[in-house]
Amino acid sequence: MAIYKPIDMVKEYRGKISQHSDTYFQRRGRTLCTCRITSPRDLTEKPYSANEVAIREKFKRVRAAVKALTPEEKAEYARQFEVARQYETCKYSYLSGYIFAMEFKKDNG
């Protein structure tokens, strides 16, 4: 008798699969989530507001600041992150999220 053994062709998807697809894949913890853009925003009819543009610009600045951190600064954030997790005062699961949040708080631009 033959033995059936399923083969996972693709272990995991992340992000957008193709240019023409409107389905996105993301792993949250142990759960694989999918989402679909059902009604994309038409910028000709409803452009971004000034507040939305300011939020997008702040996000870009913070992302650039995180990328520009020196190894010493990253090590200091890692130390702070471990101390916060030790005393259970940290709501972040990952160091990268903690670093981004701390840089986001520092950005006043």
Protein backbone atom coordinates (compact mmCIF):
# COMPACT_ATOMS: atom_id res chain seq x y z
CA MET A 1 0.00 0.00 0.00
CA ALA A 2 1.29 3.47 -0.85
CA ILE A 3 2.15 5.98 1.85
CA TYR A 4 0.72 9.46 1.37
CA LYS A 5 2.99 12.22 2.63
CA PRO A 6 1.92 15.82 1.88
CA ILE A 7 4.70 18.14 0.78
CA ASP A 8 4.67 21.81 1.63
CA MET A 9 5.63 23.47 -1.63
CA VAL A 10 5.87 26.87 0.00
CA LYS A 11 6.50 27.09 3.73
CA GLU A 12 5.40 30.68 4.21
CA TYR A 13 4.18 33.72 2.31
CA ARG A 14 4.89 37.22 3.49
CA GLY A 15 3.80 40.50 1.93
CA LYS A 16 2.25 40.80 -1.49
CA ILE A 17 2.50 37.83 -3.83
CA SER A 18 2.32 39.53 -7.22
CA GLN A 19 1.90 42.93 -8.77
CA HIS A 20 -1.69 42.20 -9.76
CA SER A 21 -2.76 40.59 -6.49
CA ASP A 22 -4.63 42.47 -3.81
CA THR A 23 -4.05 39.79 -1.16
CA TYR A 24 -1.40 40.24 1.52
CA PHE A 25 0.05 37.63 3.87
CA GLN A 26 1.49 38.29 7.31
CA ARG A 27 2.53 36.13 10.24
CA ARG A 28 1.37 37.36 13.65
CA GLY A 29 2.83 35.13 16.31
CA ARG A 30 1.98 31.62 15.24
CA THR A 31 -0.95 32.63 13.07
CA LEU A 32 -0.74 33.26 9.33
CA CYS A 33 -3.09 36.13 8.50
CA THR A 34 -4.35 37.14 5.09
CA CYS A 35 -5.95 40.39 4.16
CA ARG A 36 -7.41 41.75 0.97
CA ILE A 37 -7.86 45.31 -0.14
CA THR A 38 -11.51 45.37 -1.11
CA SER A 39 -11.89 49.05 -1.89
CA PRO A 40 -8.56 50.77 -2.54
CA ARG A 41 -8.44 54.51 -2.03
CA ASP A 42 -8.84 56.61 -5.16
CA LEU A 43 -6.47 59.52 -4.59
CA THR A 44 -8.02 61.59 -7.37
CA GLU A 45 -11.33 61.68 -5.51
CA LYS A 46 -10.04 61.69 -1.93
CA PRO A 47 -6.42 62.83 -1.60
CA TYR A 48 -4.47 62.51 1.63
CA SER A 49 -5.25 65.11 4.27
CA ALA A 50 -2.51 67.28 5.77
CA ASN A 51 -2.62 65.18 8.94
CA GLU A 52 -2.19 61.94 6.99
CA VAL A 53 0.74 63.38 5.07
CA ALA A 54 2.36 64.53 8.34
CA ILE A 55 1.97 61.04 9.84
CA ARG A 56 3.49 59.43 6.74
CA GLU A 57 6.43 61.84 6.83
CA LYS A 58 7.02 61.20 10.53
CA PHE A 59 7.00 57.45 9.91
CA LYS A 60 9.60 57.90 7.15
CA ARG A 61 11.81 60.05 9.40
CA VAL A 62 11.63 57.57 12.25
CA ARG A 63 12.40 54.65 9.95
CA ALA A 64 15.45 56.50 8.64
CA ALA A 65 16.55 57.29 12.21
CA VAL A 66 16.25 53.60 13.19
CA LYS A 67 18.35 52.58 10.19
CA ALA A 68 21.00 55.17 11.11
CA LEU A 69 21.46 53.94 14.70
CA THR A 70 25.00 53.02 15.69
CA PRO A 71 25.76 49.61 17.20
CA GLU A 72 26.31 51.29 20.57
CA GLU A 73 22.84 52.89 20.45
CA LYS A 74 21.28 49.57 19.45
CA ALA A 75 23.07 47.86 22.34
CA GLU A 76 21.74 50.49 24.76
CA TYR A 77 18.19 49.97 23.45
CA ALA A 78 18.67 46.21 23.83
CA ARG A 79 19.74 46.70 27.45
CA GLN A 80 16.72 48.94 28.16
CA PHE A 81 14.43 46.43 26.43
CA GLU A 82 15.70 43.54 28.57
CA VAL A 83 15.32 45.57 31.77
CA ALA A 84 11.76 46.54 30.82
CA ARG A 85 10.89 42.93 30.00
CA GLN A 86 12.43 41.71 33.23
CA TYR A 87 10.14 43.95 35.25
CA GLU A 88 7.20 43.30 32.87
CA THR A 89 6.78 46.98 32.05
CA CYS A 90 7.33 46.44 28.34
CA LYS A 91 4.39 45.90 26.00
CA TYR A 92 6.63 45.04 23.04
CA SER A 93 7.47 41.45 22.12
CA TYR A 94 10.39 42.25 19.84
CA LEU A 95 13.38 44.53 20.14
CA SER A 96 12.75 46.06 16.71
CA GLY A 97 9.28 47.24 17.76
CA TYR A 98 10.66 48.65 20.99
CA ILE A 99 13.40 50.56 19.18
CA PHE A 100 10.92 51.98 16.66
CA ALA A 101 8.56 53.08 19.45
CA MET A 102 11.35 54.80 21.38
CA GLU A 103 12.56 56.63 18.26
CA PHE A 104 8.94 57.54 17.44
CA LYS A 105 8.61 59.17 20.89
CA LYS A 106 11.84 61.13 20.36
CA ASP A 107 10.80 62.50 16.94
CA ASN A 108 9.29 65.97 17.32
CA GLY A 109 9.60 67.07 13.69
